[in-house]
């Protein structure tokens, strides 16, 4: 999850052509199975722990990221009672492995102090520090035993300093793209961090959680030592968004649950939330640890002609908009709302503005939340909370999943 320059909206790194094209070969053999059984049937995966819950909803996580640049959206605006986990973004890693507050021109210390001062909500919501890799430092750090130790030690120091409850790692991505041995070194980094968290937990009389943000694309997943890292991680936030955007050749959906079958390019049908979660479910990790990530932002494609209501059309430029921005656009009379029944996703089109807008609304996040329940996944995650100051989307997720506050 990184910051976008346009519209002041945060984002994760785009899924660009190489990674997306690799998806074709790796996911091709799952396409027919997905088409047959994607409507809510449970997909069994290795390491799966199936439980049937009668009369109550199973414990599910609701994870919300809060960026240091949230501006007028303060720690007091967060709907803690609708979250199990609040992930503060970001801390960053120095070349020597030291973990520090990210230097972004924002008032990060004041924001963290604001979270520390909130005592009532802290009884119900786990507060996590998310550590990002803004360059290639994480790769070099993970390759050095001394740097790994310093990373883990200083991460725990920051955790204790601000009285947080766990660490989230956002390395995009430890797939060997920087160093060939990144995947193995990532395992060693998590092992070191888990050890330091357990030492601190034993001394403090509490348990500190560890999570990671993960790609939805097989080419980023396959190099990981999933069976090993699953032992160190409490859960994995799968970043199911940015499937399409300004880098794409035609308009399409940011984070569709299923495939739009009339998509003129077959391989693009594979870029869906369902396929990403199914692929993760086939890894040696419990489904209960897999958290479905969804965007609280969308893309507004520009100069889109009125063919097929703007879908699958050429465009010239795209801007990123928060859900709050899009919610206001929807009230404009020349923006027409559409719903794709196969992909289970909304969009807006304005002939007057030649604009195609893809986003998640309350109907879609509720469908995704029901999908989590139907398939025994571990919960929902959003990037990010300040995009939804009205709490429309997070309330819709909470309405389906509830909040068990798993601490």
Protein backbone atom coordinates (compact mmCIF):
# COMPACT_ATOMS: atom_id res chain seq x y z
CA UNK A 1 0.00 0.00 0.00
CA UNK A 2 1.70 3.11 -1.21
CA UNK A 3 0.67 6.68 -1.79
CA UNK A 4 -0.75 7.86 -5.09
CA UNK A 5 0.26 11.28 -6.28
CA UNK A 6 -3.06 12.15 -7.91
CA UNK A 7 -6.08 12.95 -5.77
CA UNK A 8 -4.06 12.44 -2.58
CA UNK A 9 -5.23 8.84 -2.46
CA UNK A 10 -3.10 6.02 -1.02
CA UNK A 11 -2.64 2.81 -2.96
CA UNK A 12 -0.67 -0.38 -3.34
CA UNK A 13 1.81 -0.91 -6.13
CA UNK A 14 0.13 -1.44 -9.47
CA UNK A 15 -0.07 -4.92 -10.94
CA UNK A 16 1.75 -4.28 -14.16
CA UNK A 17 1.93 -6.19 -17.40
CA UNK A 18 4.58 -8.78 -16.61
CA UNK A 19 2.93 -10.01 -13.45
CA UNK A 20 -0.51 -9.99 -14.99
CA UNK A 21 0.61 -11.89 -18.06
CA UNK A 22 2.25 -14.53 -15.90
CA UNK A 23 -1.14 -15.03 -14.34
CA UNK A 24 -2.43 -16.49 -17.60
CA UNK A 25 -0.26 -19.58 -17.51
CA UNK A 26 -0.49 -20.08 -13.77
CA UNK A 27 -4.21 -19.60 -13.44
CA UNK A 28 -5.32 -21.01 -16.75
CA UNK A 29 -6.02 -24.46 -15.38
CA UNK A 30 -8.30 -23.01 -12.69
CA UNK A 31 -10.53 -21.00 -15.00
CA UNK A 32 -13.00 -23.77 -15.83
CA UNK A 33 -13.29 -24.80 -12.20
CA UNK A 34 -13.87 -21.19 -11.21
CA UNK A 35 -16.63 -20.82 -13.79
CA UNK A 36 -18.32 -24.00 -12.56
CA UNK A 37 -18.36 -23.40 -8.84
CA UNK A 38 -17.62 -19.77 -8.07
CA UNK A 39 -21.13 -18.99 -6.87
CA UNK A 40 -20.50 -19.41 -3.16
CA UNK A 41 -19.37 -23.04 -2.99
CA UNK A 42 -16.56 -23.86 -0.59
CA UNK A 43 -13.18 -24.52 -2.16
CA UNK A 44 -11.06 -26.92 -0.15
CA UNK A 45 -7.38 -26.07 0.21
CA UNK A 46 -4.38 -27.64 1.85
CA UNK A 47 -4.07 -26.75 5.49
CA UNK A 48 -7.78 -25.95 5.49
CA UNK A 49 -9.61 -26.15 8.79
CA UNK A 50 -13.31 -26.45 8.07
CA UNK A 51 -15.74 -25.58 10.85
CA UNK A 52 -19.50 -25.36 10.68
CA UNK A 53 -21.09 -22.68 12.81
CA UNK A 54 -24.74 -23.01 13.75
CA UNK A 55 -26.68 -20.07 15.12
CA UNK A 56 -23.78 -17.61 15.08
CA UNK A 57 -21.24 -16.13 12.73
CA UNK A 58 -17.70 -17.49 13.03
CA UNK A 59 -14.96 -15.25 14.36
CA UNK A 60 -13.78 -13.04 11.50
CA UNK A 61 -11.25 -10.26 11.28
CA UNK A 62 -12.14 -6.81 9.99
CA UNK A 63 -8.85 -5.04 9.27
CA UNK A 64 -8.64 -1.36 8.37
CA UNK A 65 -5.50 0.49 7.28
CA UNK A 66 -5.02 4.04 8.55
CA UNK A 67 -2.35 6.05 6.65
CA UNK A 68 -0.22 8.68 8.34
CA UNK A 69 -1.35 11.16 5.66
CA UNK A 70 -5.07 10.79 6.45
CA UNK A 71 -5.34 14.56 7.00
CA UNK A 72 -8.63 15.62 8.55
CA UNK A 73 -9.53 12.00 9.25
CA UNK A 74 -8.13 11.67 12.77
CA UNK A 75 -7.75 8.72 15.16
CA UNK A 76 -10.96 9.89 16.83
CA UNK A 77 -12.89 9.39 13.56
CA UNK A 78 -12.12 5.66 13.29
CA UNK A 79 -15.12 3.35 13.92
CA UNK A 80 -13.21 1.04 16.26
CA UNK A 81 -16.30 -0.92 17.25
CA UNK A 82 -16.51 -2.13 13.64
CA UNK A 83 -12.87 -3.25 13.44
CA UNK A 84 -10.91 -6.10 14.96
CA UNK A 85 -7.60 -4.64 13.72
CA UNK A 86 -6.37 -1.11 12.97
CA UNK A 87 -3.17 -1.10 10.87
CA UNK A 88 -1.19 2.15 11.08
CA UNK A 89 0.68 2.83 7.82
CA UNK A 90 3.59 3.17 7.68
CA UNK A 91 6.90 2.66 9.35
CA UNK A 92 9.89 2.16 7.06
CA UNK A 93 13.16 0.26 7.05
CA UNK A 94 16.61 1.90 6.95
CA UNK A 95 19.44 0.28 5.00
CA UNK A 96 20.98 -1.04 8.22
CA UNK A 97 17.69 -2.66 9.26
CA UNK A 98 16.50 -0.05 11.73
CA UNK A 99 12.74 0.51 11.73
CA UNK A 100 11.67 4.17 11.89
CA UNK A 101 8.61 6.30 11.29
CA UNK A 102 8.21 6.98 7.58
CA UNK A 103 9.37 10.45 6.57
CA UNK A 104 6.40 11.64 4.52
CA UNK A 105 5.99 15.26 5.60
CA UNK A 106 3.10 14.19 7.82
CA UNK A 107 2.65 14.41 11.56
CA UNK A 108 3.18 10.70 12.20
CA UNK A 109 4.33 11.06 15.83
CA UNK A 110 1.24 13.10 16.66
CA UNK A 111 -1.02 10.57 14.93
CA UNK A 112 0.55 7.68 16.82
CA UNK A 113 0.27 9.61 20.06
CA UNK A 114 -3.40 10.11 19.23
CA UNK A 115 -3.89 6.36 18.93
CA UNK A 116 -1.98 5.80 22.16
CA UNK A 117 -4.30 8.21 23.96
CA UNK A 118 -7.40 6.28 22.92
CA UNK A 119 -7.82 3.86 25.78
CA UNK A 120 -11.43 2.66 25.66
CA UNK A 121 -11.22 1.44 22.05
CA UNK A 122 -7.92 -0.30 22.74
CA UNK A 123 -9.74 -2.88 24.81
CA UNK A 124 -11.62 -4.06 21.72
CA UNK A 125 -9.39 -3.42 18.69
CA UNK A 126 -5.86 -4.68 18.01
CA UNK A 127 -3.54 -1.88 16.91
CA UNK A 128 -0.88 -2.97 14.39
CA UNK A 129 2.18 -1.10 13.09
CA UNK A 130 2.62 -1.69 9.35
CA UNK A 131 6.21 -1.62 8.10
CA UNK A 132 6.62 -0.88 4.39
CA UNK A 133 9.46 -1.20 1.92
CA UNK A 134 9.62 2.09 0.02
CA UNK A 135 12.77 1.08 -1.87
CA UNK A 136 14.83 -2.08 -1.91
CA UNK A 137 16.06 -1.81 1.68
CA UNK A 138 13.96 -4.74 2.85
CA UNK A 139 15.71 -7.07 0.41
CA UNK A 140 19.17 -6.09 1.67
CA UNK A 141 18.08 -6.24 5.30
CA UNK A 142 16.55 -9.69 4.92
CA UNK A 143 19.80 -10.96 3.38
CA UNK A 144 21.87 -10.06 6.47
CA UNK A 145 21.61 -11.84 9.83
CA UNK A 146 22.77 -8.71 11.68
CA UNK A 147 20.30 -6.47 9.82
CA UNK A 148 17.46 -8.94 10.41
CA UNK A 149 18.17 -8.88 14.13
CA UNK A 150 18.25 -5.06 14.15
CA UNK A 151 15.03 -4.93 12.14
CA UNK A 152 13.19 -7.23 14.53
CA UNK A 153 14.58 -5.56 17.65
CA UNK A 154 13.77 -1.99 16.56
CA UNK A 155 10.34 -3.01 15.26
CA UNK A 156 9.50 -4.36 18.71
CA UNK A 157 10.91 -1.19 20.29
CA UNK A 158 8.51 0.90 18.19
CA UNK A 159 5.68 -1.47 19.07
CA UNK A 160 6.29 -1.04 22.78
CA UNK A 161 6.92 2.69 22.48
CA UNK A 162 3.41 3.30 21.14
CA UNK A 163 1.74 0.44 23.03
CA UNK A 164 0.61 -1.36 19.87
CA UNK A 165 -0.48 -4.99 19.66
CA UNK A 166 1.33 -6.36 16.62
CA UNK A 167 3.39 -5.87 13.46
CA UNK A 168 2.25 -6.00 9.82
CA UNK A 169 4.85 -6.42 7.06
CA UNK A 170 4.17 -4.75 3.69
CA UNK A 171 7.07 -5.82 1.48
CA UNK A 172 6.02 -5.56 -2.17
CA UNK A 173 7.25 -8.13 -3.03
CA UNK A 174 9.65 -10.78 -1.63
CA UNK A 175 9.39 -12.79 -4.84
CA UNK A 176 13.01 -12.74 -5.98
CA UNK A 177 12.62 -9.66 -8.17
CA UNK A 178 15.39 -7.79 -6.29
CA UNK A 179 17.49 -10.69 -5.02
CA UNK A 180 17.05 -14.27 -6.12
CA UNK A 181 17.04 -15.44 -2.50
CA UNK A 182 14.43 -12.89 -1.32
CA UNK A 183 11.79 -15.58 -0.63
CA UNK A 184 14.11 -17.60 1.61
CA UNK A 185 15.38 -14.45 3.32
CA UNK A 186 11.82 -13.28 3.89
CA UNK A 187 11.18 -16.49 5.80
CA UNK A 188 14.26 -15.81 7.95
CA UNK A 189 13.10 -12.23 8.55
CA UNK A 190 9.68 -13.38 9.75
CA UNK A 191 11.30 -16.06 11.91
CA UNK A 192 13.51 -13.45 13.59
CA UNK A 193 10.61 -11.05 14.08
CA UNK A 194 8.30 -13.75 15.45
CA UNK A 195 11.01 -14.70 17.93
CA UNK A 196 11.48 -11.12 19.12
CA UNK A 197 7.71 -10.63 19.42
CA UNK A 198 7.42 -13.79 21.51
CA UNK A 199 10.28 -12.69 23.77
CA UNK A 200 8.61 -9.31 24.29
CA UNK A 201 5.24 -10.94 24.81
CA UNK A 202 6.61 -13.25 27.49
CA UNK A 203 8.13 -10.27 29.31
CA UNK A 204 5.00 -8.12 28.91
CA UNK A 205 2.45 -10.81 29.69
CA UNK A 206 0.67 -10.53 26.33
CA UNK A 207 0.66 -11.96 22.81
CA UNK A 208 1.86 -9.79 19.92
CA UNK A 209 0.41 -10.57 16.48
CA UNK A 210 2.25 -10.73 13.17
CA UNK A 211 0.66 -10.30 9.73
CA UNK A 212 1.74 -9.56 6.18
CA UNK A 213 0.26 -7.87 3.12
CA UNK A 214 0.35 -10.24 0.15
CA UNK A 215 -0.08 -10.07 -3.61
CA UNK A 216 -3.06 -11.66 -5.39
CA UNK A 217 -0.96 -12.73 -8.39
CA UNK A 218 0.53 -16.25 -8.68
CA UNK A 219 3.87 -14.97 -9.98
CA UNK A 220 4.32 -13.14 -6.66
CA UNK A 221 2.92 -16.00 -4.56
CA UNK A 222 4.70 -19.04 -5.99
CA UNK A 223 8.25 -18.08 -4.89
CA UNK A 224 7.17 -17.72 -1.24
CA UNK A 225 7.85 -20.48 1.29
CA UNK A 226 4.21 -20.39 2.31
CA UNK A 227 4.23 -23.47 4.52
CA UNK A 228 7.11 -22.05 6.57
CA UNK A 229 5.92 -18.46 6.87
CA UNK A 230 2.41 -19.63 7.79
CA UNK A 231 3.88 -20.86 11.08
CA UNK A 232 5.05 -17.34 11.95
CA UNK A 233 2.03 -15.37 10.70
CA UNK A 234 -1.30 -14.88 12.44
CA UNK A 235 -2.94 -13.79 9.18
CA UNK A 236 -2.31 -12.63 5.61
CA UNK A 237 -3.99 -9.58 4.05
CA UNK A 238 -4.45 -10.41 0.35
CA UNK A 239 -4.42 -7.21 -1.72
CA UNK A 240 -7.26 -7.92 -4.14
CA UNK A 241 -7.26 -4.63 -6.02
CA UNK A 242 -5.50 -2.68 -8.77
CA UNK A 243 -6.29 -5.46 -11.21
CA UNK A 244 -6.88 -2.67 -13.75
CA UNK A 245 -6.06 1.03 -13.84
CA UNK A 246 -4.23 3.76 -15.75
CA UNK A 247 -1.67 1.21 -17.02
CA UNK A 248 -4.34 -0.96 -18.69
CA UNK A 249 -5.20 -1.01 -22.40
CA UNK A 250 -8.95 -0.59 -21.86
CA UNK A 251 -11.42 0.24 -19.11
CA UNK A 252 -12.16 -2.58 -16.70
CA UNK A 253 -12.93 -3.18 -13.03
CA UNK A 254 -10.54 -2.38 -10.19
CA UNK A 255 -11.47 -5.32 -7.95
CA UNK A 256 -14.17 -7.57 -9.45
CA UNK A 257 -15.33 -10.51 -7.36
CA UNK A 258 -15.82 -12.69 -10.45
CA UNK A 259 -15.00 -12.48 -14.15
CA UNK A 260 -17.02 -10.42 -16.63
CA UNK A 261 -17.46 -13.21 -19.16
CA UNK A 262 -17.93 -10.92 -22.14
CA UNK A 263 -14.44 -9.52 -21.56
CA UNK A 264 -12.87 -9.58 -25.05
CA UNK A 265 -9.52 -10.86 -23.70
CA UNK A 266 -9.87 -14.25 -22.04
CA UNK A 267 -6.77 -14.01 -19.87
CA UNK A 268 -8.12 -10.85 -18.25
CA UNK A 269 -11.03 -12.91 -16.96
CA UNK A 270 -8.54 -14.49 -14.56
CA UNK A 271 -7.82 -11.23 -12.71
CA UNK A 272 -10.52 -11.50 -10.05
CA UNK A 273 -10.86 -11.65 -6.29
CA UNK A 274 -12.27 -15.16 -6.53
CA UNK A 275 -9.30 -16.50 -8.50
CA UNK A 276 -6.82 -14.79 -6.17
CA UNK A 277 -8.40 -16.18 -3.01
CA UNK A 278 -8.78 -19.64 -4.55
CA UNK A 279 -5.10 -19.61 -5.48
CA UNK A 280 -4.10 -18.65 -1.94
CA UNK A 281 -6.47 -21.31 -0.57
CA UNK A 282 -4.53 -23.94 -2.52
CA UNK A 283 -1.35 -23.01 -0.62
CA UNK A 284 -0.30 -24.77 2.61
CA UNK A 285 -1.94 -22.25 4.91
CA UNK A 286 -5.22 -22.33 6.83
CA UNK A 287 -8.09 -20.45 5.22
CA UNK A 288 -8.73 -18.84 8.59
CA UNK A 289 -5.48 -16.91 8.10
CA UNK A 290 -6.46 -15.53 4.67
CA UNK A 291 -8.06 -12.08 4.82
CA UNK A 292 -9.74 -10.70 1.69
CA UNK A 293 -8.56 -7.17 0.93
CA UNK A 294 -10.86 -4.70 -0.81
CA UNK A 295 -10.35 -1.09 -1.98
CA UNK A 296 -12.11 1.92 -0.52
CA UNK A 297 -11.11 3.84 -3.67
CA UNK A 298 -11.65 3.54 -7.39
CA UNK A 299 -10.43 4.74 -10.77
CA UNK A 300 -12.06 7.33 -13.03
CA UNK A 301 -11.06 6.64 -16.64
CA UNK A 302 -11.16 9.69 -18.91
CA UNK A 303 -12.12 10.27 -22.55
CA UNK A 304 -14.16 7.07 -22.76
CA UNK A 305 -16.71 6.84 -25.57
CA UNK A 306 -20.26 5.69 -24.92
CA UNK A 307 -19.93 2.13 -26.21
CA UNK A 308 -21.02 -0.70 -23.90
CA UNK A 309 -21.65 1.98 -21.24
CA UNK A 310 -17.92 2.67 -21.17
CA UNK A 311 -16.83 -0.88 -20.31
CA UNK A 312 -13.85 -2.46 -22.18
CA UNK A 313 -13.24 0.78 -24.08
CA UNK A 314 -10.07 2.74 -24.89
CA UNK A 315 -9.34 5.70 -22.63
CA UNK A 316 -6.92 8.58 -22.28
CA UNK A 317 -5.87 9.01 -18.67
CA UNK A 318 -7.23 7.82 -15.35
CA UNK A 319 -7.48 9.43 -11.94
CA UNK A 320 -7.76 7.79 -8.54
CA UNK A 321 -10.72 8.74 -6.39
CA UNK A 322 -11.73 7.86 -2.86
CA UNK A 323 -15.05 6.19 -2.22
CA UNK A 324 -16.19 9.48 -0.69
CA UNK A 325 -15.38 11.30 -3.96
CA UNK A 326 -17.22 8.66 -5.99
CA UNK A 327 -20.22 8.74 -3.65
CA UNK A 328 -20.60 12.44 -4.48
CA UNK A 329 -20.15 11.78 -8.20
CA UNK A 330 -23.00 9.29 -8.06
CA UNK A 331 -25.39 12.08 -7.05
CA UNK A 332 -24.67 13.96 -10.30
CA UNK A 333 -27.56 13.36 -12.75
CA UNK A 334 -25.28 12.69 -15.73
CA UNK A 335 -23.49 9.84 -13.93
CA UNK A 336 -25.44 6.63 -14.45
CA UNK A 337 -25.07 3.65 -12.11
CA UNK A 338 -24.62 0.18 -13.60
CA UNK A 339 -24.23 -3.28 -12.03
CA UNK A 340 -22.46 -6.19 -13.72
CA UNK A 341 -24.36 -9.33 -12.72
CA UNK A 342 -21.57 -11.78 -13.58
CA UNK A 343 -18.65 -9.86 -12.08
CA UNK A 344 -20.83 -8.67 -9.15
CA UNK A 345 -19.40 -5.17 -9.41
CA UNK A 346 -20.76 -1.63 -9.96
CA UNK A 347 -19.57 1.17 -12.20
CA UNK A 348 -20.58 4.66 -13.21
CA UNK A 349 -20.60 6.12 -16.69
CA UNK A 350 -21.07 9.74 -17.76
CA UNK A 351 -21.53 10.48 -21.44
CA UNK A 352 -21.28 14.20 -20.66
CA UNK A 353 -17.86 13.76 -19.02
CA UNK A 354 -16.76 10.74 -21.12
CA UNK A 355 -15.92 9.09 -17.81
CA UNK A 356 -15.96 5.45 -16.65
CA UNK A 357 -15.64 4.97 -12.88
CA UNK A 358 -14.85 1.60 -11.29
CA UNK A 359 -15.15 1.19 -7.52
CA UNK A 360 -16.49 -0.92 -4.65
CA UNK A 361 -19.86 0.12 -3.21
CA UNK A 362 -21.75 -1.22 -0.20
CA UNK A 363 -23.43 -3.94 -2.28
CA UNK A 364 -20.09 -5.28 -3.51
CA UNK A 365 -18.33 -5.24 -0.13
CA UNK A 366 -21.30 -7.09 1.36
CA UNK A 367 -21.06 -9.69 -1.43
CA UNK A 368 -17.35 -10.06 -0.71
CA UNK A 369 -18.07 -10.41 3.00
CA UNK A 370 -20.63 -13.15 2.33
CA UNK A 371 -18.05 -14.80 0.07
CA UNK A 372 -15.65 -14.83 3.05
CA UNK A 373 -18.27 -16.59 5.18
CA UNK A 374 -19.26 -19.06 2.45
CA UNK A 375 -15.64 -20.04 1.81
CA UNK A 376 -14.37 -20.05 5.41
CA UNK A 377 -11.80 -17.30 4.92
CA UNK A 378 -10.45 -15.28 7.83
CA UNK A 379 -12.10 -11.92 7.27
CA UNK A 380 -11.99 -8.67 5.31
CA UNK A 381 -9.36 -5.92 5.02
CA UNK A 382 -9.72 -2.44 3.53
CA UNK A 383 -7.29 0.04 2.05
CA UNK A 384 -7.98 2.52 3.49
CA UNK A 385 -10.28 3.99 6.17
CA UNK A 386 -9.98 7.71 5.39
CA UNK A 387 -11.47 7.09 1.92
CA UNK A 388 -14.78 6.27 3.64
CA UNK A 389 -15.34 8.99 6.27
CA UNK A 390 -19.07 8.29 6.22
CA UNK A 391 -18.28 4.68 7.29
CA UNK A 392 -20.66 3.37 4.61
CA UNK A 393 -18.38 0.57 3.42
CA UNK A 394 -16.93 -0.49 6.75
CA UNK A 395 -20.45 -0.57 8.21
CA UNK A 396 -21.58 -2.79 5.35
CA UNK A 397 -18.73 -5.22 5.99
CA UNK A 398 -19.48 -5.21 9.71
CA UNK A 399 -23.17 -5.88 9.02
CA UNK A 400 -22.21 -9.20 7.41
CA UNK A 401 -19.18 -10.29 9.42
CA UNK A 402 -19.86 -8.73 12.79
CA UNK A 403 -16.90 -8.09 15.04
CA UNK A 404 -15.68 -10.70 17.49
CA UNK A 405 -12.63 -8.73 18.70
CA UNK A 406 -10.34 -11.72 18.71
CA UNK A 407 -7.79 -10.38 21.19
